[in-house]
Every structure is written in structure tokens, then in C-alpha cells.
Amino acid sequence: MKVRRLKNTVRIVFPYILAFAAGSMAEFAESAEASARTPGALRGPALTIEASAAPVLIERGTAGRRQLILPDIEIEATLQVRCRPGSAPAAVSLMSADTRVQAPALADGEAKEVALELAVPAAQLPPVYARDFCIEGEPGRPALVKPALVSLQGSLRCSAPPHPDNPDTDDTPATARPDDLARASAAVDVELRCKPEPDESGGGSERPRETAVGLN
């Protein structure tokens, strides 16, 4: 008797379980489809970084040299910024370790691209291993690229103008919407260029744009 009751209970409850599961899956699929149709700007702010470093000119050294002490490295970066509708970029900054620069006031409030320059101090750069690179009296390699030598972190803050809680009354204090934040990072390759020998430079007196390095 107990077995029959259990079977009857399973027969009654099981269809309800299937119906509930089917309904949940349908709601999930509808939500996913709605999210796919929603533009990225509606989901929140976004920030991307494109950056490059000025080449560094290396003084020729003696055979057996293993490490190079780099000078300050100049970084040029372009930050693509995007805020959700109703918000605008309020602050954009770029940093590497303890060095930080911030974009000037965004007058129009609708900037989509921000250009920044950052000088990374030599004290924040590790010694670079480059055994027998750029040696006196040896042709060797004219250039050497050190991948991801400088790490950058960017920050974007989007703000919306204050709006009243109740637009029908004048005595309701205005409240500000919460700011949106977005962060991004980038790794920058640095090219080391070997300074030409005197007879390879063509005798020109023009000063190279790159900065020479200290050596050890």
C-alpha cells in the first residue's frame, strides 16, 4: 500500500517539477536574449588603453656586459572611454607604479578618446638583462625589444548630473546618481637601439631623440 501511494505521489509531483524547470529555462533564455540586444554602453562604462614607448638609445659597452640600467621612459597612451547613456567622463587617469597622470578637465563632458603622456622614472624600472648586446667593435644586433617592460593601469570615472527625487516638487533636495568606475591595464614593449659607431653615424651632429642609458 505504501509503495502505491509513493508511486502516485511521484506521478503527481513530477509533472509540476518539469513545468517549473521549463519555465525557469524560458525565463533564463529570455533574459540572456535581452542582454544580448542591450548595447554595451547600457551595461556600464568601458575603458581600453593603447600605448607605446619611445625607443631608448644604448651606449656601446665592453664585452661581457650583462645588464643595462635604463633611464626614464616616455610613454604615449590613448585611452578609449565610454560611459552609459546619461553619464559622461568626469575623470581619466593613467599610472605606472607610483607615477600617475590625470587628463585635464573634460570641458565637453563627452570625450571618447583621451591622449596622455607618462614619464616612467628610471628608479621604477628594473635592470634589463641583455648579455653582449651593443658591444664596442662588434656589429651585433642593432636593436632589442623587451616585451611588457612597463605596466600601465588606467581608470575612468563616469558621472551623471544630479536629479530630483520628485520632479513635481521644488522642496525635494537634489541627489546625485552613483558614479560608475572602469579600470584597464596594458603592457608596453620597449625597444633598445644600439648607438651606431662613429663611422656608421655619417658624421652628423644631430642629437638623437632617444635618451642614452647608464650601464653596469
C-alpha atoms as a PDB file:
ATOM      1  CA  MET A   1       0.000   0.000   0.000  1.00  0.00           C
ATOM      2  CA  LYS A   2       2.774   2.428   0.913  1.00  0.00           C
ATOM      3  CA  VAL A   3       4.571   1.691  -2.352  1.00  0.00           C
ATOM      4  CA  ARG A   4       1.423   2.503  -4.366  1.00  0.00           C
ATOM      5  CA  ARG A   5       0.953   5.811  -2.521  1.00  0.00           C
ATOM      6  CA  LEU A   6       4.586   6.748  -3.178  1.00  0.00           C
ATOM      7  CA  LYS A   7       4.188   5.967  -6.885  1.00  0.00           C
ATOM      8  CA  ASN A   8       1.028   8.047  -7.062  1.00  0.00           C
ATOM      9  CA  THR A   9       2.767  10.956  -5.325  1.00  0.00           C
ATOM     10  CA  VAL A  10       5.683  10.805  -7.783  1.00  0.00           C
ATOM     11  CA  ARG A  11       3.242  10.739 -10.711  1.00  0.00           C
ATOM     12  CA  ILE A  12       1.511  13.872  -9.416  1.00  0.00           C
ATOM     13  CA  VAL A  13       4.585  15.915  -8.389  1.00  0.00           C
ATOM     14  CA  PHE A  14       6.912  15.062 -11.265  1.00  0.00           C
ATOM     15  CA  PRO A  15       4.933  16.962 -13.962  1.00  0.00           C
ATOM     16  CA  TYR A  16       4.976  20.069 -11.752  1.00  0.00           C
ATOM     17  CA  ILE A  17       8.747  19.804 -11.420  1.00  0.00           C
ATOM     18  CA  LEU A  18       9.111  19.544 -15.192  1.00  0.00           C
ATOM     19  CA  ALA A  19       6.835  22.560 -15.719  1.00  0.00           C
ATOM     20  CA  PHE A  20       8.768  24.637 -13.186  1.00  0.00           C
ATOM     21  CA  ALA A  21      12.111  23.726 -14.780  1.00  0.00           C
ATOM     22  CA  ALA A  22      10.800  24.536 -18.263  1.00  0.00           C
ATOM     23  CA  GLY A  23       9.506  27.910 -17.065  1.00  0.00           C
ATOM     24  CA  SER A  24      12.831  28.766 -15.391  1.00  0.00           C
ATOM     25  CA  MET A  25      14.774  27.861 -18.543  1.00  0.00           C
ATOM     26  CA  ALA A  26      12.457  30.013 -20.648  1.00  0.00           C
ATOM     27  CA  GLU A  27      12.932  32.990 -18.331  1.00  0.00           C
ATOM     28  CA  PHE A  28      16.714  32.497 -18.408  1.00  0.00           C
ATOM     29  CA  ALA A  29      16.761  32.337 -22.211  1.00  0.00           C
ATOM     30  CA  GLU A  30      14.621  35.475 -22.459  1.00  0.00           C
ATOM     31  CA  SER A  31      16.901  37.333 -20.054  1.00  0.00           C
ATOM     32  CA  ALA A  32      20.001  36.265 -21.986  1.00  0.00           C
ATOM     33  CA  GLU A  33      18.432  37.350 -25.273  1.00  0.00           C
ATOM     34  CA  ALA A  34      17.529  40.750 -23.795  1.00  0.00           C
ATOM     35  CA  SER A  35      21.082  41.199 -22.515  1.00  0.00           C
ATOM     36  CA  ALA A  36      22.468  40.387 -25.956  1.00  0.00           C
ATOM     37  CA  ARG A  37      20.217  43.028 -27.505  1.00  0.00           C
ATOM     38  CA  THR A  38      21.283  45.650 -24.943  1.00  0.00           C
ATOM     39  CA  PRO A  39      24.079  47.921 -26.209  1.00  0.00           C
ATOM     40  CA  GLY A  40      27.340  47.712 -24.283  1.00  0.00           C
ATOM     41  CA  ALA A  41      27.009  51.336 -23.171  1.00  0.00           C
ATOM     42  CA  LEU A  42      23.854  50.432 -21.240  1.00  0.00           C
ATOM     43  CA  ARG A  43      25.663  47.776 -19.242  1.00  0.00           C
ATOM     44  CA  GLY A  44      28.232  50.190 -17.847  1.00  0.00           C
ATOM     45  CA  PRO A  45      31.406  52.124 -18.615  1.00  0.00           C
ATOM     46  CA  ALA A  46      34.321  50.732 -20.599  1.00  0.00           C
ATOM     47  CA  LEU A  47      37.982  51.668 -20.899  1.00  0.00           C
ATOM     48  CA  THR A  48      40.760  50.458 -23.212  1.00  0.00           C
ATOM     49  CA  ILE A  49      44.412  51.527 -23.419  1.00  0.00           C
ATOM     50  CA  GLU A  50      46.732  51.678 -26.418  1.00  0.00           C
ATOM     51  CA  ALA A  51      50.290  52.735 -25.568  1.00  0.00           C
ATOM     52  CA  SER A  52      53.808  52.830 -26.974  1.00  0.00           C
ATOM     53  CA  ALA A  53      57.219  53.760 -25.594  1.00  0.00           C
ATOM     54  CA  ALA A  54      59.887  55.944 -27.178  1.00  0.00           C
ATOM     55  CA  PRO A  55      62.934  53.886 -28.260  1.00  0.00           C
ATOM     56  CA  VAL A  56      65.925  54.017 -25.908  1.00  0.00           C
ATOM     57  CA  LEU A  57      69.400  54.594 -27.331  1.00  0.00           C
ATOM     58  CA  ILE A  58      72.064  52.342 -25.819  1.00  0.00           C
ATOM     59  CA  GLU A  59      75.684  53.374 -25.454  1.00  0.00           C
ATOM     60  CA  ARG A  60      78.164  50.737 -26.606  1.00  0.00           C
ATOM     61  CA  GLY A  61      79.921  48.843 -23.841  1.00  0.00           C
ATOM     62  CA  THR A  62      82.626  46.265 -23.277  1.00  0.00           C
ATOM     63  CA  ALA A  63      82.358  42.537 -23.910  1.00  0.00           C
ATOM     64  CA  GLY A  64      80.757  40.564 -21.113  1.00  0.00           C
ATOM     65  CA  ARG A  65      78.262  43.222 -20.127  1.00  0.00           C
ATOM     66  CA  ARG A  66      75.077  41.588 -18.883  1.00  0.00           C
ATOM     67  CA  GLN A  67      72.747  44.285 -17.607  1.00  0.00           C
ATOM     68  CA  LEU A  68      71.558  47.729 -18.633  1.00  0.00           C
ATOM     69  CA  ILE A  69      70.271  50.431 -16.318  1.00  0.00           C
ATOM     70  CA  LEU A  70      67.537  52.252 -18.207  1.00  0.00           C
ATOM     71  CA  PRO A  71      66.717  55.952 -17.976  1.00  0.00           C
ATOM     72  CA  ASP A  72      63.242  57.467 -17.738  1.00  0.00           C
ATOM     73  CA  ILE A  73      60.961  56.029 -20.396  1.00  0.00           C
ATOM     74  CA  GLU A  74      58.463  58.221 -22.192  1.00  0.00           C
ATOM     75  CA  ILE A  75      55.060  56.629 -22.754  1.00  0.00           C
ATOM     76  CA  GLU A  76      52.374  57.895 -25.108  1.00  0.00           C
ATOM     77  CA  ALA A  77      48.931  56.438 -24.494  1.00  0.00           C
ATOM     78  CA  THR A  78      45.476  56.753 -25.991  1.00  0.00           C
ATOM     79  CA  LEU A  79      42.565  55.812 -23.763  1.00  0.00           C
ATOM     80  CA  GLN A  80      39.233  54.955 -25.332  1.00  0.00           C
ATOM     81  CA  VAL A  81      36.487  55.838 -22.857  1.00  0.00           C
ATOM     82  CA  ARG A  82      32.776  55.055 -22.841  1.00  0.00           C
ATOM     83  CA  CYS A  83      30.043  55.846 -20.320  1.00  0.00           C
ATOM     84  CA  ARG A  84      26.483  54.634 -20.105  1.00  0.00           C
ATOM     85  CA  PRO A  85      23.782  56.941 -21.541  1.00  0.00           C
ATOM     86  CA  GLY A  86      23.080  59.846 -19.213  1.00  0.00           C
ATOM     87  CA  SER A  87      26.628  59.826 -17.829  1.00  0.00           C
ATOM     88  CA  ALA A  88      29.825  61.493 -19.034  1.00  0.00           C
ATOM     89  CA  PRO A  89      33.556  61.074 -18.327  1.00  0.00           C
ATOM     90  CA  ALA A  90      34.416  63.012 -15.175  1.00  0.00           C
ATOM     91  CA  ALA A  91      37.979  61.800 -14.561  1.00  0.00           C
ATOM     92  CA  VAL A  92      40.511  59.806 -16.572  1.00  0.00           C
ATOM     93  CA  SER A  93      43.912  58.831 -15.198  1.00  0.00           C
ATOM     94  CA  LEU A  94      46.894  56.670 -16.120  1.00  0.00           C
ATOM     95  CA  MET A  95      49.569  55.293 -13.825  1.00  0.00           C
ATOM     96  CA  SER A  96      52.590  53.041 -13.670  1.00  0.00           C
ATOM     97  CA  ALA A  97      53.667  52.046 -10.167  1.00  0.00           C
ATOM     98  CA  ASP A  98      53.943  55.345  -8.227  1.00  0.00           C
ATOM     99  CA  THR A  99      53.767  57.612 -11.285  1.00  0.00           C
ATOM    100  CA  ARG A 100      50.337  58.974 -12.188  1.00  0.00           C
ATOM    101  CA  VAL A 101      48.936  61.492 -14.660  1.00  0.00           C
ATOM    102  CA  GLN A 102      45.375  62.705 -14.994  1.00  0.00           C
ATOM    103  CA  ALA A 103      43.590  64.127 -18.007  1.00  0.00           C
ATOM    104  CA  PRO A 104      42.773  67.829 -17.786  1.00  0.00           C
ATOM    105  CA  ALA A 105      39.205  68.885 -17.203  1.00  0.00           C
ATOM    106  CA  LEU A 106      36.948  67.328 -19.828  1.00  0.00           C
ATOM    107  CA  ALA A 107      35.203  70.502 -20.919  1.00  0.00           C
ATOM    108  CA  ASP A 108      32.624  68.968 -23.226  1.00  0.00           C
ATOM    109  CA  GLY A 109      31.986  66.033 -20.917  1.00  0.00           C
ATOM    110  CA  GLU A 110      31.630  63.724 -23.902  1.00  0.00           C
ATOM    111  CA  ALA A 111      35.215  62.777 -24.677  1.00  0.00           C
ATOM    112  CA  LYS A 112      35.546  59.403 -26.393  1.00  0.00           C
ATOM    113  CA  GLU A 113      39.337  59.424 -26.698  1.00  0.00           C
ATOM    114  CA  VAL A 114      41.921  60.840 -24.279  1.00  0.00           C
ATOM    115  CA  ALA A 115      45.643  61.190 -25.073  1.00  0.00           C
ATOM    116  CA  LEU A 116      48.082  61.134 -22.152  1.00  0.00           C
ATOM    117  CA  GLU A 117      51.866  61.162 -21.782  1.00  0.00           C
ATOM    118  CA  LEU A 118      53.627  59.484 -18.885  1.00  0.00           C
ATOM    119  CA  ALA A 119      57.321  59.540 -17.965  1.00  0.00           C
ATOM    120  CA  VAL A 120      58.238  56.409 -16.027  1.00  0.00           C
ATOM    121  CA  PRO A 121      61.241  57.239 -13.770  1.00  0.00           C
ATOM    122  CA  ALA A 122      64.379  55.133 -14.008  1.00  0.00           C
ATOM    123  CA  ALA A 123      64.016  54.281 -10.317  1.00  0.00           C
ATOM    124  CA  GLN A 124      60.845  52.336 -11.115  1.00  0.00           C
ATOM    125  CA  LEU A 125      62.465  50.259 -13.861  1.00  0.00           C
ATOM    126  CA  PRO A 126      64.324  47.011 -13.180  1.00  0.00           C
ATOM    127  CA  PRO A 127      67.750  46.314 -14.687  1.00  0.00           C
ATOM    128  CA  VAL A 128      67.422  44.772 -18.131  1.00  0.00           C
ATOM    129  CA  TYR A 129      69.308  41.597 -18.960  1.00  0.00           C
ATOM    130  CA  ALA A 130      70.996  41.990 -22.356  1.00  0.00           C
ATOM    131  CA  ARG A 131      74.185  39.950 -22.421  1.00  0.00           C
ATOM    132  CA  ASP A 132      76.707  41.136 -25.044  1.00  0.00           C
ATOM    133  CA  PHE A 133      74.220  43.487 -26.649  1.00  0.00           C
ATOM    134  CA  CYS A 134      75.656  46.635 -28.227  1.00  0.00           C
ATOM    135  CA  ILE A 135      79.375  45.947 -27.695  1.00  0.00           C
ATOM    136  CA  GLU A 136      82.202  48.191 -28.897  1.00  0.00           C
ATOM    137  CA  GLY A 137      83.816  47.000 -32.100  1.00  0.00           C
ATOM    138  CA  GLU A 138      81.148  44.365 -32.771  1.00  0.00           C
ATOM    139  CA  PRO A 139      78.282  44.764 -35.222  1.00  0.00           C
ATOM    140  CA  GLY A 140      75.860  42.549 -33.272  1.00  0.00           C
ATOM    141  CA  ARG A 141      72.153  43.248 -33.187  1.00  0.00           C
ATOM    142  CA  PRO A 142      71.105  46.817 -33.982  1.00  0.00           C
ATOM    143  CA  ALA A 143      68.047  46.635 -31.743  1.00  0.00           C
ATOM    144  CA  LEU A 144      66.487  44.570 -28.996  1.00  0.00           C
ATOM    145  CA  VAL A 145      62.854  44.587 -27.899  1.00  0.00           C
ATOM    146  CA  LYS A 146      61.972  43.929 -24.275  1.00  0.00           C
ATOM    147  CA  PRO A 147      58.327  42.814 -24.166  1.00  0.00           C
ATOM    148  CA  ALA A 148      55.957  44.048 -21.473  1.00  0.00           C
ATOM    149  CA  LEU A 149      58.678  46.025 -19.725  1.00  0.00           C
ATOM    150  CA  VAL A 150      56.285  48.715 -18.489  1.00  0.00           C
ATOM    151  CA  SER A 151      52.888  48.019 -16.934  1.00  0.00           C
ATOM    152  CA  LEU A 152      50.130  50.621 -17.130  1.00  0.00           C
ATOM    153  CA  GLN A 153      46.857  50.921 -15.254  1.00  0.00           C
ATOM    154  CA  GLY A 154      44.057  53.225 -16.342  1.00  0.00           C
ATOM    155  CA  SER A 155      40.992  54.481 -14.514  1.00  0.00           C
ATOM    156  CA  LEU A 156      37.747  56.044 -15.765  1.00  0.00           C
ATOM    157  CA  ARG A 157      35.049  57.669 -13.650  1.00  0.00           C
ATOM    158  CA  CYS A 158      31.691  58.479 -15.206  1.00  0.00           C
ATOM    159  CA  SER A 159      29.249  60.836 -13.514  1.00  0.00           C
ATOM    160  CA  ALA A 160      25.638  61.771 -14.156  1.00  0.00           C
ATOM    161  CA  PRO A 161      24.142  65.201 -13.367  1.00  0.00           C
ATOM    162  CA  PRO A 162      22.073  65.474 -10.175  1.00  0.00           C
ATOM    163  CA  HIS A 163      18.381  64.841 -10.491  1.00  0.00           C
ATOM    164  CA  PRO A 164      15.493  65.463  -8.047  1.00  0.00           C
ATOM    165  CA  ASP A 165      13.838  62.573  -6.292  1.00  0.00           C
ATOM    166  CA  ASN A 166      10.434  64.074  -7.046  1.00  0.00           C
ATOM    167  CA  PRO A 167      10.408  66.379 -10.080  1.00  0.00           C
ATOM    168  CA  ASP A 168       6.886  67.632  -9.227  1.00  0.00           C
ATOM    169  CA  THR A 169       8.030  69.463  -6.085  1.00  0.00           C
ATOM    170  CA  ASP A 170      10.671  72.141  -5.639  1.00  0.00           C
ATOM    171  CA  ASP A 171      11.474  71.455  -1.989  1.00  0.00           C
ATOM    172  CA  THR A 172      12.970  67.981  -2.547  1.00  0.00           C
ATOM    173  CA  PRO A 173      16.788  68.106  -2.284  1.00  0.00           C
ATOM    174  CA  ALA A 174      18.651  67.005  -5.369  1.00  0.00           C
ATOM    175  CA  THR A 175      20.576  63.754  -5.158  1.00  0.00           C
ATOM    176  CA  ALA A 176      23.456  62.584  -7.306  1.00  0.00           C
ATOM    177  CA  ARG A 177      23.480  59.246  -9.045  1.00  0.00           C
ATOM    178  CA  PRO A 178      26.324  56.918  -8.034  1.00  0.00           C
ATOM    179  CA  ASP A 179      29.445  57.261 -10.163  1.00  0.00           C
ATOM    180  CA  ASP A 180      30.469  54.441 -12.485  1.00  0.00           C
ATOM    181  CA  LEU A 181      34.077  53.229 -12.461  1.00  0.00           C
ATOM    182  CA  ALA A 182      36.047  51.289 -15.048  1.00  0.00           C
ATOM    183  CA  ARG A 183      39.651  50.120 -14.981  1.00  0.00           C
ATOM    184  CA  ALA A 184      42.024  48.676 -17.566  1.00  0.00           C
ATOM    185  CA  SER A 185      45.663  47.650 -17.838  1.00  0.00           C
ATOM    186  CA  ALA A 186      48.235  47.385 -20.603  1.00  0.00           C
ATOM    187  CA  ALA A 187      51.778  46.082 -21.014  1.00  0.00           C
ATOM    188  CA  VAL A 188      54.182  48.163 -23.097  1.00  0.00           C
ATOM    189  CA  ASP A 189      57.137  46.810 -25.075  1.00  0.00           C
ATOM    190  CA  VAL A 190      60.334  48.887 -25.091  1.00  0.00           C
ATOM    191  CA  GLU A 191      62.801  48.890 -27.988  1.00  0.00           C
ATOM    192  CA  LEU A 192      66.508  49.266 -27.173  1.00  0.00           C
ATOM    193  CA  ARG A 193      68.576  50.649 -30.040  1.00  0.00           C
ATOM    194  CA  CYS A 194      72.328  50.269 -30.187  1.00  0.00           C
ATOM    195  CA  LYS A 195      74.102  53.575 -30.725  1.00  0.00           C
ATOM    196  CA  PRO A 196      75.944  53.461 -34.083  1.00  0.00           C
ATOM    197  CA  GLU A 197      79.730  53.511 -34.214  1.00  0.00           C
ATOM    198  CA  PRO A 198      81.204  56.923 -35.153  1.00  0.00           C
ATOM    199  CA  ASP A 199      81.866  55.831 -38.727  1.00  0.00           C
ATOM    200  CA  GLU A 200      78.284  54.450 -39.026  1.00  0.00           C
ATOM    201  CA  SER A 201      76.557  57.646 -37.998  1.00  0.00           C
ATOM    202  CA  GLY A 202      77.669  59.540 -41.101  1.00  0.00           C
ATOM    203  CA  GLY A 203      79.385  62.253 -39.089  1.00  0.00           C
ATOM    204  CA  GLY A 204      76.103  64.052 -38.421  1.00  0.00           C
ATOM    205  CA  SER A 205      75.907  66.311 -35.400  1.00  0.00           C
ATOM    206  CA  GLU A 206      72.174  65.895 -34.873  1.00  0.00           C
ATOM    207  CA  ARG A 207      71.400  64.861 -31.335  1.00  0.00           C
ATOM    208  CA  PRO A 208      69.400  61.626 -31.107  1.00  0.00           C
ATOM    209  CA  ARG A 209      65.880  61.936 -29.761  1.00  0.00           C
ATOM    210  CA  GLU A 210      66.256  58.824 -27.626  1.00  0.00           C
ATOM    211  CA  THR A 211      67.835  59.012 -24.190  1.00  0.00           C
ATOM    212  CA  ALA A 212      71.119  57.197 -23.537  1.00  0.00           C
ATOM    213  CA  VAL A 213      71.272  54.803 -20.622  1.00  0.00           C
ATOM    214  CA  GLY A 214      73.574  54.246 -17.710  1.00  0.00           C
ATOM    215  CA  LEU A 215      75.343  50.898 -17.869  1.00  0.00           C
ATOM    216  CA  ASN A 216      76.686  48.403 -15.390  1.00  0.00           C
END
